[in-house]
Amino acid sequence: MHERIKGLLFDKDGTLFDFQSSWAPVFARVVAELAGDDAARAGALCAAGGFDAGRGRFTPASPVIAGTSADIAACLLPHLPGWDAERLEELLNRRATGVAMSPVTDLAAFTGRLRRAGLRTGVATNDGETAARSHLGAAAAGFDYIAGYDSGYGAKPGPGMVEGFLAVTGLAPREVAMVGDSLHDLVAARAAGTLAIAVLTGVAGAADLAPHADLVFDSIADLPAWLEIAP
């Protein structure tokens, strides 16, 4: 076992779950629901959300990648006359709950292996907590701590969710690694004083993340070997 790390805090989308395959179909359905038969509005919503409808993929600059439902609603709202921000945010949160996610590895086996090694684990996501618990429960993934943007700790890149994990576990920042696929995750880690680990299962590439990370891995599946955890 790694002599120093006693806790791992994970981002959710793009880290535990493949971002594009999990969320691109959801966003396409939301756009269709909001735009109806108005092709121009559908195009405007896709552009605002950084979504290439032809390829069915988010662009690297998409606000959906690291944004909260409130952030995404704010981007879409100018193209939806008659809607208000609160109603749109509520719709986005409802559509996010119960989504069939695409885990990057067998999360039940992965988290079980970490627990058996004595590690404390958590999830800090800019998704809503209810949706996060739904996705993680469906994957049978067990964590000591789950926080969303609406859990009272604030959203990333602020350090609140990371600091919440430290408080719940009683671990020191030097004993924890924050693992994520976006700059928001790495900035939050730095602000809280933890190790910052980047993974490449989101939209950002190594060239974007490496300057801000202590370590870069292809996916979370590489962590047990780094931590020297027995199978």
C-alpha atoms as a PDB file:
ATOM      1  CA  MET A   1       0.000   0.000   0.000  1.00  0.00           C
ATOM      2  CA  HIS A   2       1.097   3.548  -0.699  1.00  0.00           C
ATOM      3  CA  GLU A   3       2.704   4.771   2.519  1.00  0.00           C
ATOM      4  CA  ARG A   4       1.004   8.163   2.524  1.00  0.00           C
ATOM      5  CA  ILE A   5      -2.382   8.063   0.773  1.00  0.00           C
ATOM      6  CA  LYS A   6      -5.240   6.988   3.043  1.00  0.00           C
ATOM      7  CA  GLY A   7      -8.169   8.485   1.164  1.00  0.00           C
ATOM      8  CA  LEU A   8      -9.301   8.934  -2.441  1.00  0.00           C
ATOM      9  CA  LEU A   9     -11.896  11.498  -3.486  1.00  0.00           C
ATOM     10  CA  PHE A  10     -13.266  11.050  -6.987  1.00  0.00           C
ATOM     11  CA  ASP A  11     -15.051  13.263  -9.433  1.00  0.00           C
ATOM     12  CA  LYS A  12     -17.972  11.354 -10.954  1.00  0.00           C
ATOM     13  CA  ASP A  13     -18.618  12.131 -14.617  1.00  0.00           C
ATOM     14  CA  GLY A  14     -15.565  11.586 -16.784  1.00  0.00           C
ATOM     15  CA  THR A  15     -13.776   9.873 -13.894  1.00  0.00           C
ATOM     16  CA  LEU A  16     -15.917   7.027 -12.571  1.00  0.00           C
ATOM     17  CA  PHE A  17     -18.126   7.086 -15.666  1.00  0.00           C
ATOM     18  CA  ASP A  18     -17.145   7.728 -19.273  1.00  0.00           C
ATOM     19  CA  PHE A  19     -18.385  11.226 -20.000  1.00  0.00           C
ATOM     20  CA  GLN A  20     -19.281  11.119 -23.679  1.00  0.00           C
ATOM     21  CA  SER A  21     -21.101   7.779 -23.737  1.00  0.00           C
ATOM     22  CA  SER A  22     -22.968   8.563 -20.511  1.00  0.00           C
ATOM     23  CA  TRP A  23     -24.103  12.136 -21.135  1.00  0.00           C
ATOM     24  CA  ALA A  24     -24.183  12.792 -24.876  1.00  0.00           C
ATOM     25  CA  PRO A  25     -27.442  10.807 -25.379  1.00  0.00           C
ATOM     26  CA  VAL A  26     -29.002  12.551 -22.378  1.00  0.00           C
ATOM     27  CA  PHE A  27     -28.176  16.021 -23.662  1.00  0.00           C
ATOM     28  CA  ALA A  28     -29.496  15.153 -27.116  1.00  0.00           C
ATOM     29  CA  ARG A  29     -32.808  14.073 -25.564  1.00  0.00           C
ATOM     30  CA  VAL A  30     -33.030  17.234 -23.452  1.00  0.00           C
ATOM     31  CA  VAL A  31     -32.439  19.401 -26.525  1.00  0.00           C
ATOM     32  CA  ALA A  32     -35.156  17.538 -28.432  1.00  0.00           C
ATOM     33  CA  GLU A  33     -37.538  17.981 -25.503  1.00  0.00           C
ATOM     34  CA  LEU A  34     -36.857  21.699 -25.158  1.00  0.00           C
ATOM     35  CA  ALA A  35     -36.728  22.569 -28.862  1.00  0.00           C
ATOM     36  CA  GLY A  36     -39.556  20.416 -30.168  1.00  0.00           C
ATOM     37  CA  ASP A  37     -39.804  20.878 -33.927  1.00  0.00           C
ATOM     38  CA  ASP A  38     -37.839  24.150 -33.910  1.00  0.00           C
ATOM     39  CA  ALA A  39     -34.581  23.243 -35.672  1.00  0.00           C
ATOM     40  CA  ALA A  40     -33.113  26.703 -35.177  1.00  0.00           C
ATOM     41  CA  ARG A  41     -33.700  26.536 -31.442  1.00  0.00           C
ATOM     42  CA  ALA A  42     -32.213  23.042 -31.287  1.00  0.00           C
ATOM     43  CA  GLY A  43     -29.111  24.343 -33.031  1.00  0.00           C
ATOM     44  CA  ALA A  44     -28.838  27.277 -30.646  1.00  0.00           C
ATOM     45  CA  LEU A  45     -29.172  24.997 -27.615  1.00  0.00           C
ATOM     46  CA  CYS A  46     -26.492  22.661 -28.940  1.00  0.00           C
ATOM     47  CA  ALA A  47     -24.149  25.583 -29.589  1.00  0.00           C
ATOM     48  CA  ALA A  48     -24.780  26.981 -26.106  1.00  0.00           C
ATOM     49  CA  GLY A  49     -24.103  23.576 -24.567  1.00  0.00           C
ATOM     50  CA  GLY A  50     -20.977  22.914 -26.601  1.00  0.00           C
ATOM     51  CA  PHE A  51     -22.550  19.872 -28.228  1.00  0.00           C
ATOM     52  CA  ASP A  52     -21.841  18.642 -31.756  1.00  0.00           C
ATOM     53  CA  ALA A  53     -25.186  17.097 -32.688  1.00  0.00           C
ATOM     54  CA  GLY A  54     -23.840  15.604 -35.902  1.00  0.00           C
ATOM     55  CA  ARG A  55     -21.156  13.632 -34.078  1.00  0.00           C
ATOM     56  CA  GLY A  56     -23.182  13.185 -30.896  1.00  0.00           C
ATOM     57  CA  ARG A  57     -20.291  14.444 -28.773  1.00  0.00           C
ATOM     58  CA  PHE A  58     -19.466  17.343 -26.488  1.00  0.00           C
ATOM     59  CA  THR A  59     -16.705  19.723 -27.514  1.00  0.00           C
ATOM     60  CA  PRO A  60     -13.775  20.290 -25.124  1.00  0.00           C
ATOM     61  CA  ALA A  61     -15.088  23.766 -24.219  1.00  0.00           C
ATOM     62  CA  SER A  62     -18.598  22.570 -23.341  1.00  0.00           C
ATOM     63  CA  PRO A  63     -19.993  24.097 -20.130  1.00  0.00           C
ATOM     64  CA  VAL A  64     -21.707  20.764 -19.473  1.00  0.00           C
ATOM     65  CA  ILE A  65     -18.401  18.999 -18.768  1.00  0.00           C
ATOM     66  CA  ALA A  66     -17.663  20.554 -15.379  1.00  0.00           C
ATOM     67  CA  GLY A  67     -20.683  22.773 -14.826  1.00  0.00           C
ATOM     68  CA  THR A  68     -23.522  22.379 -12.363  1.00  0.00           C
ATOM     69  CA  SER A  69     -27.130  22.102 -13.477  1.00  0.00           C
ATOM     70  CA  ALA A  70     -27.464  25.783 -12.585  1.00  0.00           C
ATOM     71  CA  ASP A  71     -24.493  26.636 -14.839  1.00  0.00           C
ATOM     72  CA  ILE A  72     -25.930  24.630 -17.714  1.00  0.00           C
ATOM     73  CA  ALA A  73     -29.368  26.188 -17.252  1.00  0.00           C
ATOM     74  CA  ALA A  74     -27.805  29.657 -17.406  1.00  0.00           C
ATOM     75  CA  CYS A  75     -26.197  28.819 -20.767  1.00  0.00           C
ATOM     76  CA  LEU A  76     -29.395  27.421 -22.277  1.00  0.00           C
ATOM     77  CA  LEU A  77     -31.873  29.922 -20.832  1.00  0.00           C
ATOM     78  CA  PRO A  78     -31.324  32.756 -23.378  1.00  0.00           C
ATOM     79  CA  HIS A  79     -32.641  30.414 -26.073  1.00  0.00           C
ATOM     80  CA  LEU A  80     -35.755  29.372 -24.147  1.00  0.00           C
ATOM     81  CA  PRO A  81     -38.265  32.216 -23.914  1.00  0.00           C
ATOM     82  CA  GLY A  82     -40.926  31.534 -21.303  1.00  0.00           C
ATOM     83  CA  TRP A  83     -38.607  29.493 -19.095  1.00  0.00           C
ATOM     84  CA  ASP A  84     -37.015  30.644 -15.850  1.00  0.00           C
ATOM     85  CA  ALA A  85     -33.706  29.490 -14.402  1.00  0.00           C
ATOM     86  CA  GLU A  86     -35.175  27.589 -11.451  1.00  0.00           C
ATOM     87  CA  ARG A  87     -37.603  25.610 -13.586  1.00  0.00           C
ATOM     88  CA  LEU A  88     -34.917  24.751 -16.135  1.00  0.00           C
ATOM     89  CA  GLU A  89     -32.430  23.678 -13.438  1.00  0.00           C
ATOM     90  CA  GLU A  90     -35.116  21.448 -11.910  1.00  0.00           C
ATOM     91  CA  LEU A  91     -35.773  19.834 -15.310  1.00  0.00           C
ATOM     92  CA  LEU A  92     -32.069  19.179 -15.854  1.00  0.00           C
ATOM     93  CA  ASN A  93     -31.741  17.586 -12.418  1.00  0.00           C
ATOM     94  CA  ARG A  94     -34.749  15.348 -13.071  1.00  0.00           C
ATOM     95  CA  ARG A  95     -33.386  14.214 -16.423  1.00  0.00           C
ATOM     96  CA  ALA A  96     -29.994  13.466 -14.837  1.00  0.00           C
ATOM     97  CA  THR A  97     -31.464  11.094 -12.254  1.00  0.00           C
ATOM     98  CA  GLY A  98     -31.742   7.477 -13.333  1.00  0.00           C
ATOM     99  CA  VAL A  99     -29.514   7.860 -16.380  1.00  0.00           C
ATOM    100  CA  ALA A 100     -27.903   4.617 -17.573  1.00  0.00           C
ATOM    101  CA  MET A 101     -24.251   5.493 -16.996  1.00  0.00           C
ATOM    102  CA  SER A 102     -21.165   3.861 -18.548  1.00  0.00           C
ATOM    103  CA  PRO A 103     -18.629   2.973 -15.815  1.00  0.00           C
ATOM    104  CA  VAL A 104     -14.983   3.136 -16.860  1.00  0.00           C
ATOM    105  CA  THR A 105     -14.353  -0.078 -14.897  1.00  0.00           C
ATOM    106  CA  ASP A 106     -16.302  -2.460 -12.649  1.00  0.00           C
ATOM    107  CA  LEU A 107     -16.993   0.073  -9.893  1.00  0.00           C
ATOM    108  CA  ALA A 108     -18.304  -2.441  -7.364  1.00  0.00           C
ATOM    109  CA  ALA A 109     -15.101  -4.485  -7.622  1.00  0.00           C
ATOM    110  CA  PHE A 110     -12.954  -1.346  -7.743  1.00  0.00           C
ATOM    111  CA  THR A 111     -14.409   0.294  -4.630  1.00  0.00           C
ATOM    112  CA  GLY A 112     -14.468  -3.043  -2.801  1.00  0.00           C
ATOM    113  CA  ARG A 113     -10.763  -3.447  -3.474  1.00  0.00           C
ATOM    114  CA  LEU A 114     -10.055   0.036  -2.084  1.00  0.00           C
ATOM    115  CA  ARG A 115     -12.119  -0.620   1.042  1.00  0.00           C
ATOM    116  CA  ARG A 116     -10.364  -3.916   1.711  1.00  0.00           C
ATOM    117  CA  ALA A 117      -7.074  -2.025   1.578  1.00  0.00           C
ATOM    118  CA  GLY A 118      -8.368   0.313   4.304  1.00  0.00           C
ATOM    119  CA  LEU A 119      -8.791   3.394   2.124  1.00  0.00           C
ATOM    120  CA  ARG A 120     -11.536   5.951   2.735  1.00  0.00           C
ATOM    121  CA  THR A 121     -13.338   6.938  -0.454  1.00  0.00           C
ATOM    122  CA  GLY A 122     -15.654   9.693  -1.588  1.00  0.00           C
ATOM    123  CA  VAL A 123     -17.244  11.392  -4.567  1.00  0.00           C
ATOM    124  CA  ALA A 124     -17.298  15.145  -5.192  1.00  0.00           C
ATOM    125  CA  THR A 125     -19.374  16.029  -8.241  1.00  0.00           C
ATOM    126  CA  ASN A 126     -20.855  19.132  -9.779  1.00  0.00           C
ATOM    127  CA  ASP A 127     -23.896  16.997 -10.564  1.00  0.00           C
ATOM    128  CA  GLY A 128     -26.730  17.044  -8.016  1.00  0.00           C
ATOM    129  CA  GLU A 129     -26.398  14.752  -5.011  1.00  0.00           C
ATOM    130  CA  THR A 130     -29.640  12.895  -5.747  1.00  0.00           C
ATOM    131  CA  ALA A 131     -28.532  12.066  -9.284  1.00  0.00           C
ATOM    132  CA  ALA A 132     -25.077  11.079  -8.034  1.00  0.00           C
ATOM    133  CA  ARG A 133     -26.495   8.664  -5.468  1.00  0.00           C
ATOM    134  CA  SER A 134     -28.755   7.199  -8.154  1.00  0.00           C
ATOM    135  CA  HIS A 135     -25.841   6.599 -10.559  1.00  0.00           C
ATOM    136  CA  LEU A 136     -23.499   5.206  -7.914  1.00  0.00           C
ATOM    137  CA  GLY A 137     -26.197   3.003  -6.431  1.00  0.00           C
ATOM    138  CA  ALA A 138     -26.966   1.518  -9.835  1.00  0.00           C
ATOM    139  CA  ALA A 139     -23.261   0.703 -10.222  1.00  0.00           C
ATOM    140  CA  ALA A 140     -23.205  -0.881  -6.724  1.00  0.00           C
ATOM    141  CA  ALA A 141     -20.295   1.390  -5.870  1.00  0.00           C
ATOM    142  CA  GLY A 142     -19.785   2.037  -2.165  1.00  0.00           C
ATOM    143  CA  PHE A 143     -18.344   5.318  -0.869  1.00  0.00           C
ATOM    144  CA  ASP A 144     -17.920   6.893   2.559  1.00  0.00           C
ATOM    145  CA  TYR A 145     -18.916  10.330   1.284  1.00  0.00           C
ATOM    146  CA  ILE A 146     -20.976  11.643  -1.640  1.00  0.00           C
ATOM    147  CA  ALA A 147     -21.367  15.370  -2.267  1.00  0.00           C
ATOM    148  CA  GLY A 148     -22.981  17.258  -5.124  1.00  0.00           C
ATOM    149  CA  TYR A 149     -23.123  20.942  -5.973  1.00  0.00           C
ATOM    150  CA  ASP A 150     -26.329  21.177  -3.935  1.00  0.00           C
ATOM    151  CA  SER A 151     -25.024  19.404  -0.790  1.00  0.00           C
ATOM    152  CA  GLY A 152     -24.007  22.584   1.001  1.00  0.00           C
ATOM    153  CA  TYR A 153     -20.264  22.570   0.258  1.00  0.00           C
ATOM    154  CA  GLY A 154     -20.371  24.695  -2.887  1.00  0.00           C
ATOM    155  CA  ALA A 155     -19.275  23.610  -6.347  1.00  0.00           C
ATOM    156  CA  LYS A 156     -15.863  22.879  -7.821  1.00  0.00           C
ATOM    157  CA  PRO A 157     -13.409  24.491  -8.509  1.00  0.00           C
ATOM    158  CA  GLY A 158     -14.029  25.709  -4.971  1.00  0.00           C
ATOM    159  CA  PRO A 159     -12.457  23.488  -2.290  1.00  0.00           C
ATOM    160  CA  GLY A 160     -15.615  23.004  -0.202  1.00  0.00           C
ATOM    161  CA  MET A 161     -16.442  19.439  -1.222  1.00  0.00           C
ATOM    162  CA  VAL A 162     -12.831  18.357  -0.766  1.00  0.00           C
ATOM    163  CA  GLU A 163     -12.707  19.990   2.661  1.00  0.00           C
ATOM    164  CA  GLY A 164     -15.975  18.240   3.516  1.00  0.00           C
ATOM    165  CA  PHE A 165     -14.369  14.886   2.738  1.00  0.00           C
ATOM    166  CA  LEU A 166     -11.426  15.733   4.974  1.00  0.00           C
ATOM    167  CA  ALA A 167     -13.796  16.650   7.802  1.00  0.00           C
ATOM    168  CA  VAL A 168     -15.907  13.491   7.450  1.00  0.00           C
ATOM    169  CA  THR A 169     -12.918  11.143   7.289  1.00  0.00           C
ATOM    170  CA  GLY A 170     -10.623  12.962   9.706  1.00  0.00           C
ATOM    171  CA  LEU A 171      -7.784  12.718   7.187  1.00  0.00           C
ATOM    172  CA  ALA A 172      -5.178  15.397   6.601  1.00  0.00           C
ATOM    173  CA  PRO A 173      -4.860  16.949   3.119  1.00  0.00           C
ATOM    174  CA  ARG A 174      -1.464  15.258   2.623  1.00  0.00           C
ATOM    175  CA  GLU A 175      -3.170  11.870   3.104  1.00  0.00           C
ATOM    176  CA  VAL A 176      -5.764  12.406   0.352  1.00  0.00           C
ATOM    177  CA  ALA A 177      -5.722  12.425  -3.444  1.00  0.00           C
ATOM    178  CA  MET A 178      -8.456  14.095  -5.493  1.00  0.00           C
ATOM    179  CA  VAL A 179      -8.967  12.255  -8.796  1.00  0.00           C
ATOM    180  CA  GLY A 180     -10.698  13.934 -11.723  1.00  0.00           C
ATOM    181  CA  ASP A 181     -10.871  14.542 -15.447  1.00  0.00           C
ATOM    182  CA  SER A 182     -11.168  18.337 -15.525  1.00  0.00           C
ATOM    183  CA  LEU A 183      -9.328  21.463 -14.421  1.00  0.00           C
ATOM    184  CA  HIS A 184     -12.142  22.099 -11.929  1.00  0.00           C
ATOM    185  CA  ASP A 185     -11.153  18.914 -10.085  1.00  0.00           C
ATOM    186  CA  LEU A 186      -7.450  19.712 -10.067  1.00  0.00           C
ATOM    187  CA  VAL A 187      -7.970  23.310  -8.969  1.00  0.00           C
ATOM    188  CA  ALA A 188     -10.222  22.132  -6.122  1.00  0.00           C
ATOM    189  CA  ALA A 189      -7.543  19.657  -5.036  1.00  0.00           C
ATOM    190  CA  ARG A 190      -4.837  22.319  -5.040  1.00  0.00           C
ATOM    191  CA  ALA A 191      -7.026  24.744  -3.091  1.00  0.00           C
ATOM    192  CA  ALA A 192      -7.667  22.121  -0.394  1.00  0.00           C
ATOM    193  CA  GLY A 193      -4.032  21.018  -0.257  1.00  0.00           C
ATOM    194  CA  THR A 194      -4.514  17.437  -1.480  1.00  0.00           C
ATOM    195  CA  LEU A 195      -2.695  15.538  -4.205  1.00  0.00           C
ATOM    196  CA  ALA A 196      -4.186  16.234  -7.656  1.00  0.00           C
ATOM    197  CA  ILE A 197      -4.523  13.232  -9.985  1.00  0.00           C
ATOM    198  CA  ALA A 198      -5.857  13.572 -13.537  1.00  0.00           C
ATOM    199  CA  VAL A 199      -7.500  10.805 -15.560  1.00  0.00           C
ATOM    200  CA  LEU A 200      -8.143  10.792 -19.296  1.00  0.00           C
ATOM    201  CA  THR A 201     -11.663   9.324 -19.410  1.00  0.00           C
ATOM    202  CA  GLY A 202     -13.299  12.725 -19.813  1.00  0.00           C
ATOM    203  CA  VAL A 203     -13.065  15.217 -22.665  1.00  0.00           C
ATOM    204  CA  ALA A 204      -9.810  16.999 -21.745  1.00  0.00           C
ATOM    205  CA  GLY A 205      -6.510  15.573 -22.954  1.00  0.00           C
ATOM    206  CA  ALA A 206      -3.220  15.007 -21.162  1.00  0.00           C
ATOM    207  CA  ALA A 207      -1.720  18.210 -22.593  1.00  0.00           C
ATOM    208  CA  ASP A 208      -4.493  20.235 -20.930  1.00  0.00           C
ATOM    209  CA  LEU A 209      -4.412  18.465 -17.570  1.00  0.00           C
ATOM    210  CA  ALA A 210      -0.772  17.523 -16.968  1.00  0.00           C
ATOM    211  CA  PRO A 211       0.460  21.055 -16.117  1.00  0.00           C
ATOM    212  CA  HIS A 212      -2.059  21.181 -13.263  1.00  0.00           C
ATOM    213  CA  ALA A 213      -1.731  17.611 -11.964  1.00  0.00           C
ATOM    214  CA  ASP A 214       0.736  15.754  -9.790  1.00  0.00           C
ATOM    215  CA  LEU A 215       0.036  12.551 -11.729  1.00  0.00           C
ATOM    216  CA  VAL A 216      -1.859  11.618 -14.897  1.00  0.00           C
ATOM    217  CA  PHE A 217      -3.355   8.154 -15.474  1.00  0.00           C
ATOM    218  CA  ASP A 218      -5.355   6.738 -18.356  1.00  0.00           C
ATOM    219  CA  SER A 219      -8.176   5.841 -15.967  1.00  0.00           C
ATOM    220  CA  ILE A 220      -8.961   5.052 -12.344  1.00  0.00           C
ATOM    221  CA  ALA A 221      -8.198   1.407 -13.173  1.00  0.00           C
ATOM    222  CA  ASP A 222      -4.503   2.365 -12.927  1.00  0.00           C
ATOM    223  CA  LEU A 223      -4.782   3.509  -9.309  1.00  0.00           C
ATOM    224  CA  PRO A 224      -4.557   0.164  -7.458  1.00  0.00           C
ATOM    225  CA  ALA A 225      -1.169  -0.590  -9.045  1.00  0.00           C
ATOM    226  CA  TRP A 226       0.118   2.883  -8.142  1.00  0.00           C
ATOM    227  CA  LEU A 227      -1.150   2.433  -4.596  1.00  0.00           C
ATOM    228  CA  GLU A 228       0.434  -1.042  -4.486  1.00  0.00           C
ATOM    229  CA  ILE A 229      -2.867  -2.626  -3.483  1.00  0.00           C
ATOM    230  CA  ALA A 230      -3.026  -6.397  -3.699  1.00  0.00           C
ATOM    231  CA  PRO A 231      -5.681  -7.847  -6.089  1.00  0.00           C
END
